[in-house]
Amino acid sequence: MSRRSPRLIALVALVSLAGAGGTLHTLRTQDGISSAAKDARSATGVAKLEAFDLVWTNVERKGTHLVFTERVSASAGTVRPARTGALAGSSVFSYVWPVSLDPATAGFEGKSGTLALAATAHPDFDDTPKYDENGDGDAANDGDLWHSHWVVLVPDDACGTGALKVRDIPPGTTPRLPATWPGLPLFIDSPGYDPEITSDFVRVRVPLKELGFPEAFRFDGVTAALKVNASVHDPLLCVADVFDVASGNLSLPGTVR
């Protein structure tokens, strides 16, 4: 990416905000974030963007769980990256909920970036070694099925001016990581929460006890494509194409109470 995308600038603003503990925008709603329809865009030519066109985003407490929800215009979960046959240069499509919780809440090193829950699909590699999502006895061949991750996002101009990446783990370092870390050199967790996908909804249920029963926090919604570095080294996984942002400016206006 050689040019600064407005949506990537917004993502970087979010990361800077989270690190500083500040507030960009005061709008809050207890009923989620409503978004304009038909405003999803792709800088890389992804088609059928209705599957990533956010119209409503929410996180709410329901019993013993937090329920993360994104509603799109149509066809949720039906669009996946094209298979390339190699890890290097391959793509990841995602439905993402950035939150104001410290990454330590999900088991990562504290104050290490912006924590986000994501539902992802990527046919060229598998990053859930503890789970066999398609039930065929092989836990290493189902990255193309939608599955969940916690990730920590940080800015890195090596991904392109104004771009973000999933935080890398430099060789020789041993940051705090979740018990279900999949072994990749990234701040990523594979907790095994199965996304629930219907015609226009994506939902992920997270047990409250796994986050230490957090108090009020803020959230937003993003749909995006990420790309694995062609050289398969730091930066390993970059945000390459932001399709839609629930708030329009990543101000995290949603509030969980």
Foldseek 3Di string as FASTA:
>chain_A
DADADLVLLLVQVLFVCLLVVHFDDAAEDQQFFAADAPQFDWPVDDPPCQLFGFGTWAWEDDVQKIKTKTFGNWAHPPDAFDEDQAQAFFKKWKKKKWKSDFVVLQFWFGSPTIKMKIWIATQNWAQQQVDCVVPPPHNIGGSRATAMKIFGKHDDCVLPVSWIAGAFADPPDDTTADPQGRPHRGNMGRPGFHWDDDTTMTMTIGGCVSSVVDDKIFIWIWIFMWTAHNVCDVVGIITDITGDIRNRRSSRRYMYD
